[in-house]
């Protein structure tokens, strides 16, 4: 009996230690994210991108563009993938943050697939960056949106998906 109780107890410990990332998926796009320590790790995958494709997608943190959003922008520009830390308020193009708090681990664009792996801190000392601890509103742009040949973003073609993310429930 004691052995059975011990096995049950250790089984519960293992279940609670298991990591589970969160995922946003829609039409040829998958964003996987999760926290480890004080760092949130992201993996963005876009499929079905034509060889000469260009555009942008983003993950925004905050309530709305009107109140201001901290955004991580993934651009496909002239065959290159670029990830930047930016801020947007109102219906205008975002501007790069003074300090880029996004750490890029890998970028790939081949055979119609874009993959970008990066991270950022849950907490930030930069004024324009959102604190992502606890539960907060996130916005997920859909697909590649139009941009100028210089990489300036045009308005998204579809309203971004809104989700309240409780980052402590998304672990890697």
C-alpha atoms as a PDB file:
ATOM      1  CA  UNK A   1       0.000   0.000   0.000  1.00  0.00           C
ATOM      2  CA  UNK A   2       2.776   2.456   0.896  1.00  0.00           C
ATOM      3  CA  UNK A   3       4.569   1.583  -2.352  1.00  0.00           C
ATOM      4  CA  UNK A   4       1.367   2.331  -4.321  1.00  0.00           C
ATOM      5  CA  UNK A   5       0.988   5.720  -2.606  1.00  0.00           C
ATOM      6  CA  UNK A   6       4.655   6.546  -3.328  1.00  0.00           C
ATOM      7  CA  UNK A   7       4.265   5.634  -7.022  1.00  0.00           C
ATOM      8  CA  UNK A   8       1.110   7.763  -7.276  1.00  0.00           C
ATOM      9  CA  UNK A   9       2.846  10.725  -5.599  1.00  0.00           C
ATOM     10  CA  UNK A  10       5.868  10.591  -7.924  1.00  0.00           C
ATOM     11  CA  UNK A  11       3.583  10.228 -10.945  1.00  0.00           C
ATOM     12  CA  UNK A  12       1.821  13.461  -9.965  1.00  0.00           C
ATOM     13  CA  UNK A  13       5.189  15.211  -9.628  1.00  0.00           C
ATOM     14  CA  UNK A  14       6.216  14.109 -13.113  1.00  0.00           C
ATOM     15  CA  UNK A  15       2.917  15.303 -14.627  1.00  0.00           C
ATOM     16  CA  UNK A  16       3.336  18.738 -13.004  1.00  0.00           C
ATOM     17  CA  UNK A  17       6.943  19.070 -14.275  1.00  0.00           C
ATOM     18  CA  UNK A  18       6.000  18.266 -17.877  1.00  0.00           C
ATOM     19  CA  UNK A  19       6.343  21.293 -20.143  1.00  0.00           C
ATOM     20  CA  UNK A  20       3.613  22.312 -22.533  1.00  0.00           C
ATOM     21  CA  UNK A  21       4.123  25.136 -25.029  1.00  0.00           C
ATOM     22  CA  UNK A  22       1.145  27.064 -26.393  1.00  0.00           C
ATOM     23  CA  UNK A  23       0.330  27.386 -30.083  1.00  0.00           C
ATOM     24  CA  UNK A  24      -1.545  29.742 -32.365  1.00  0.00           C
ATOM     25  CA  UNK A  25      -2.450  28.063 -35.676  1.00  0.00           C
ATOM     26  CA  UNK A  26      -4.309  29.390 -38.714  1.00  0.00           C
ATOM     27  CA  UNK A  27      -4.139  28.858 -42.506  1.00  0.00           C
ATOM     28  CA  UNK A  28      -0.464  28.028 -43.105  1.00  0.00           C
ATOM     29  CA  UNK A  29       0.804  29.783 -40.000  1.00  0.00           C
ATOM     30  CA  UNK A  30       1.894  28.368 -36.664  1.00  0.00           C
ATOM     31  CA  UNK A  31       3.314  30.291 -33.730  1.00  0.00           C
ATOM     32  CA  UNK A  32       4.559  28.209 -30.825  1.00  0.00           C
ATOM     33  CA  UNK A  33       5.550  29.982 -27.611  1.00  0.00           C
ATOM     34  CA  UNK A  34       6.420  29.206 -24.030  1.00  0.00           C
ATOM     35  CA  UNK A  35       8.328  30.490 -21.050  1.00  0.00           C
ATOM     36  CA  UNK A  36      11.468  29.058 -19.487  1.00  0.00           C
ATOM     37  CA  UNK A  37      12.745  30.999 -16.500  1.00  0.00           C
ATOM     38  CA  UNK A  38      12.218  34.674 -17.330  1.00  0.00           C
ATOM     39  CA  UNK A  39      12.464  34.211 -21.099  1.00  0.00           C
ATOM     40  CA  UNK A  40       9.650  33.605 -23.600  1.00  0.00           C
ATOM     41  CA  UNK A  41      10.692  31.526 -26.605  1.00  0.00           C
ATOM     42  CA  UNK A  42       8.890  31.810 -29.955  1.00  0.00           C
ATOM     43  CA  UNK A  43       8.901  29.784 -33.164  1.00  0.00           C
ATOM     44  CA  UNK A  44       7.012  31.243 -36.136  1.00  0.00           C
ATOM     45  CA  UNK A  45       6.366  29.026 -39.171  1.00  0.00           C
ATOM     46  CA  UNK A  46       4.693  30.334 -42.343  1.00  0.00           C
ATOM     47  CA  UNK A  47       4.026  27.981 -45.267  1.00  0.00           C
ATOM     48  CA  UNK A  48       2.974  28.505 -48.864  1.00  0.00           C
ATOM     49  CA  UNK A  49       5.138  31.591 -49.392  1.00  0.00           C
ATOM     50  CA  UNK A  50       6.007  32.127 -53.092  1.00  0.00           C
ATOM     51  CA  UNK A  51       9.735  32.353 -54.005  1.00  0.00           C
ATOM     52  CA  UNK A  52       9.475  36.109 -54.578  1.00  0.00           C
ATOM     53  CA  UNK A  53       7.138  36.614 -51.630  1.00  0.00           C
ATOM     54  CA  UNK A  54       7.582  39.523 -49.289  1.00  0.00           C
ATOM     55  CA  UNK A  55       5.558  40.847 -46.396  1.00  0.00           C
ATOM     56  CA  UNK A  56       5.246  40.858 -42.657  1.00  0.00           C
ATOM     57  CA  UNK A  57       3.540  39.162 -39.744  1.00  0.00           C
ATOM     58  CA  UNK A  58       3.696  40.103 -36.082  1.00  0.00           C
ATOM     59  CA  UNK A  59       2.873  39.292 -32.502  1.00  0.00           C
ATOM     60  CA  UNK A  60       1.571  42.278 -30.558  1.00  0.00           C
ATOM     61  CA  UNK A  61       1.352  42.709 -26.806  1.00  0.00           C
ATOM     62  CA  UNK A  62      -1.227  45.083 -25.357  1.00  0.00           C
ATOM     63  CA  UNK A  63      -4.890  46.021 -25.631  1.00  0.00           C
ATOM     64  CA  UNK A  64      -5.049  47.815 -28.973  1.00  0.00           C
ATOM     65  CA  UNK A  65      -3.206  49.862 -31.559  1.00  0.00           C
ATOM     66  CA  UNK A  66      -4.986  52.937 -30.174  1.00  0.00           C
ATOM     67  CA  UNK A  67      -3.461  52.504 -26.710  1.00  0.00           C
ATOM     68  CA  UNK A  68      -0.178  51.248 -28.169  1.00  0.00           C
ATOM     69  CA  UNK A  69       1.243  47.791 -28.839  1.00  0.00           C
ATOM     70  CA  UNK A  70       4.659  46.344 -28.184  1.00  0.00           C
ATOM     71  CA  UNK A  71       5.262  44.216 -31.320  1.00  0.00           C
ATOM     72  CA  UNK A  72       7.721  41.667 -32.589  1.00  0.00           C
ATOM     73  CA  UNK A  73       7.680  41.906 -36.392  1.00  0.00           C
ATOM     74  CA  UNK A  74       8.825  39.128 -38.725  1.00  0.00           C
ATOM     75  CA  UNK A  75       9.561  40.460 -42.230  1.00  0.00           C
ATOM     76  CA  UNK A  76      10.294  38.541 -45.416  1.00  0.00           C
ATOM     77  CA  UNK A  77      12.192  40.990 -47.606  1.00  0.00           C
ATOM     78  CA  UNK A  78      14.227  40.178 -50.731  1.00  0.00           C
ATOM     79  CA  UNK A  79      14.633  36.529 -49.713  1.00  0.00           C
ATOM     80  CA  UNK A  80      15.734  37.397 -46.166  1.00  0.00           C
ATOM     81  CA  UNK A  81      13.892  36.956 -42.875  1.00  0.00           C
ATOM     82  CA  UNK A  82      14.253  39.819 -40.382  1.00  0.00           C
ATOM     83  CA  UNK A  83      12.907  39.945 -36.801  1.00  0.00           C
ATOM     84  CA  UNK A  84      12.602  43.303 -35.022  1.00  0.00           C
ATOM     85  CA  UNK A  85      11.340  44.731 -31.730  1.00  0.00           C
ATOM     86  CA  UNK A  86       8.973  47.646 -32.423  1.00  0.00           C
ATOM     87  CA  UNK A  87       6.136  49.779 -31.049  1.00  0.00           C
ATOM     88  CA  UNK A  88       2.971  51.041 -32.744  1.00  0.00           C
ATOM     89  CA  UNK A  89       0.283  53.498 -31.668  1.00  0.00           C
ATOM     90  CA  UNK A  90      -2.668  54.259 -33.923  1.00  0.00           C
ATOM     91  CA  UNK A  91      -2.960  53.470 -37.627  1.00  0.00           C
ATOM     92  CA  UNK A  92       0.635  54.035 -38.638  1.00  0.00           C
ATOM     93  CA  UNK A  93       3.718  51.924 -39.247  1.00  0.00           C
ATOM     94  CA  UNK A  94       5.482  50.710 -36.105  1.00  0.00           C
ATOM     95  CA  UNK A  95       8.836  52.193 -35.165  1.00  0.00           C
ATOM     96  CA  UNK A  96      11.834  50.197 -33.942  1.00  0.00           C
ATOM     97  CA  UNK A  97      12.460  50.310 -30.194  1.00  0.00           C
ATOM     98  CA  UNK A  98      15.550  52.175 -29.017  1.00  0.00           C
ATOM     99  CA  UNK A  99      16.815  48.889 -27.635  1.00  0.00           C
ATOM    100  CA  UNK A 100      16.144  45.620 -29.452  1.00  0.00           C
ATOM    101  CA  UNK A 101      15.149  43.150 -26.719  1.00  0.00           C
ATOM    102  CA  UNK A 102      14.563  40.253 -29.117  1.00  0.00           C
ATOM    103  CA  UNK A 103      17.231  37.547 -29.294  1.00  0.00           C
ATOM    104  CA  UNK A 104      17.158  35.747 -32.662  1.00  0.00           C
ATOM    105  CA  UNK A 105      18.252  32.084 -32.720  1.00  0.00           C
ATOM    106  CA  UNK A 106      17.487  31.038 -36.265  1.00  0.00           C
ATOM    107  CA  UNK A 107      15.941  32.336 -39.486  1.00  0.00           C
ATOM    108  CA  UNK A 108      15.180  30.283 -42.578  1.00  0.00           C
ATOM    109  CA  UNK A 109      13.306  30.825 -45.846  1.00  0.00           C
ATOM    110  CA  UNK A 110      13.364  27.940 -48.304  1.00  0.00           C
ATOM    111  CA  UNK A 111      10.924  25.956 -50.414  1.00  0.00           C
ATOM    112  CA  UNK A 112       8.048  28.289 -49.547  1.00  0.00           C
ATOM    113  CA  UNK A 113       8.527  27.943 -45.773  1.00  0.00           C
ATOM    114  CA  UNK A 114       9.622  30.698 -43.388  1.00  0.00           C
ATOM    115  CA  UNK A 115      10.868  29.691 -39.929  1.00  0.00           C
ATOM    116  CA  UNK A 116      11.935  32.229 -37.300  1.00  0.00           C
ATOM    117  CA  UNK A 117      13.063  31.269 -33.785  1.00  0.00           C
ATOM    118  CA  UNK A 118      13.605  34.020 -31.228  1.00  0.00           C
ATOM    119  CA  UNK A 119      13.019  35.018 -27.610  1.00  0.00           C
ATOM    120  CA  UNK A 120      12.478  37.999 -25.382  1.00  0.00           C
ATOM    121  CA  UNK A 121      12.361  38.596 -21.658  1.00  0.00           C
ATOM    122  CA  UNK A 122       9.099  38.353 -19.736  1.00  0.00           C
ATOM    123  CA  UNK A 123      10.110  41.566 -17.980  1.00  0.00           C
ATOM    124  CA  UNK A 124      11.682  44.525 -19.726  1.00  0.00           C
ATOM    125  CA  UNK A 125      13.267  47.745 -18.616  1.00  0.00           C
ATOM    126  CA  UNK A 126      12.533  49.456 -21.948  1.00  0.00           C
ATOM    127  CA  UNK A 127       9.650  51.915 -21.709  1.00  0.00           C
ATOM    128  CA  UNK A 128       7.864  50.683 -24.868  1.00  0.00           C
ATOM    129  CA  UNK A 129       8.090  46.957 -24.049  1.00  0.00           C
ATOM    130  CA  UNK A 130       5.171  45.244 -22.345  1.00  0.00           C
ATOM    131  CA  UNK A 131       5.533  43.242 -19.144  1.00  0.00           C
ATOM    132  CA  UNK A 132       4.356  39.767 -20.155  1.00  0.00           C
ATOM    133  CA  UNK A 133       4.089  38.150 -16.729  1.00  0.00           C
ATOM    134  CA  UNK A 134       0.752  36.731 -15.604  1.00  0.00           C
ATOM    135  CA  UNK A 135      -2.108  37.076 -18.090  1.00  0.00           C
ATOM    136  CA  UNK A 136      -2.015  39.750 -20.780  1.00  0.00           C
ATOM    137  CA  UNK A 137      -3.661  40.495 -24.151  1.00  0.00           C
ATOM    138  CA  UNK A 138      -1.749  39.344 -27.253  1.00  0.00           C
ATOM    139  CA  UNK A 139      -2.520  39.996 -30.931  1.00  0.00           C
ATOM    140  CA  UNK A 140      -1.537  37.549 -33.700  1.00  0.00           C
ATOM    141  CA  UNK A 141      -1.308  38.924 -37.250  1.00  0.00           C
ATOM    142  CA  UNK A 142      -2.337  36.465 -39.927  1.00  0.00           C
ATOM    143  CA  UNK A 143      -0.108  35.457 -42.860  1.00  0.00           C
ATOM    144  CA  UNK A 144       2.144  37.812 -44.739  1.00  0.00           C
ATOM    145  CA  UNK A 145       0.768  41.334 -44.964  1.00  0.00           C
ATOM    146  CA  UNK A 146       1.790  43.934 -47.550  1.00  0.00           C
ATOM    147  CA  UNK A 147       4.811  46.165 -47.092  1.00  0.00           C
ATOM    148  CA  UNK A 148       6.871  48.561 -49.193  1.00  0.00           C
ATOM    149  CA  UNK A 149      10.031  47.421 -51.018  1.00  0.00           C
ATOM    150  CA  UNK A 150      11.984  49.172 -48.231  1.00  0.00           C
ATOM    151  CA  UNK A 151      10.266  47.087 -45.527  1.00  0.00           C
ATOM    152  CA  UNK A 152       7.772  49.668 -44.251  1.00  0.00           C
ATOM    153  CA  UNK A 153       4.603  47.955 -43.079  1.00  0.00           C
ATOM    154  CA  UNK A 154       1.203  48.605 -44.597  1.00  0.00           C
ATOM    155  CA  UNK A 155      -1.973  47.966 -42.602  1.00  0.00           C
ATOM    156  CA  UNK A 156      -2.728  44.292 -41.955  1.00  0.00           C
ATOM    157  CA  UNK A 157      -5.139  42.764 -44.462  1.00  0.00           C
ATOM    158  CA  UNK A 158      -7.095  40.893 -41.780  1.00  0.00           C
ATOM    159  CA  UNK A 159      -7.901  41.874 -38.203  1.00  0.00           C
ATOM    160  CA  UNK A 160      -5.353  40.187 -35.915  1.00  0.00           C
ATOM    161  CA  UNK A 161      -6.600  37.471 -33.580  1.00  0.00           C
ATOM    162  CA  UNK A 162      -6.894  38.586 -29.960  1.00  0.00           C
ATOM    163  CA  UNK A 163      -6.025  36.200 -27.127  1.00  0.00           C
ATOM    164  CA  UNK A 164      -5.441  36.622 -23.438  1.00  0.00           C
ATOM    165  CA  UNK A 165      -2.273  34.629 -22.789  1.00  0.00           C
ATOM    166  CA  UNK A 166      -1.349  33.430 -19.312  1.00  0.00           C
ATOM    167  CA  UNK A 167       2.314  32.790 -20.017  1.00  0.00           C
ATOM    168  CA  UNK A 168       2.866  30.629 -16.929  1.00  0.00           C
ATOM    169  CA  UNK A 169       0.552  28.067 -18.586  1.00  0.00           C
ATOM    170  CA  UNK A 170       2.859  27.904 -21.629  1.00  0.00           C
ATOM    171  CA  UNK A 171       6.210  26.363 -20.783  1.00  0.00           C
ATOM    172  CA  UNK A 172       9.143  24.973 -22.753  1.00  0.00           C
END
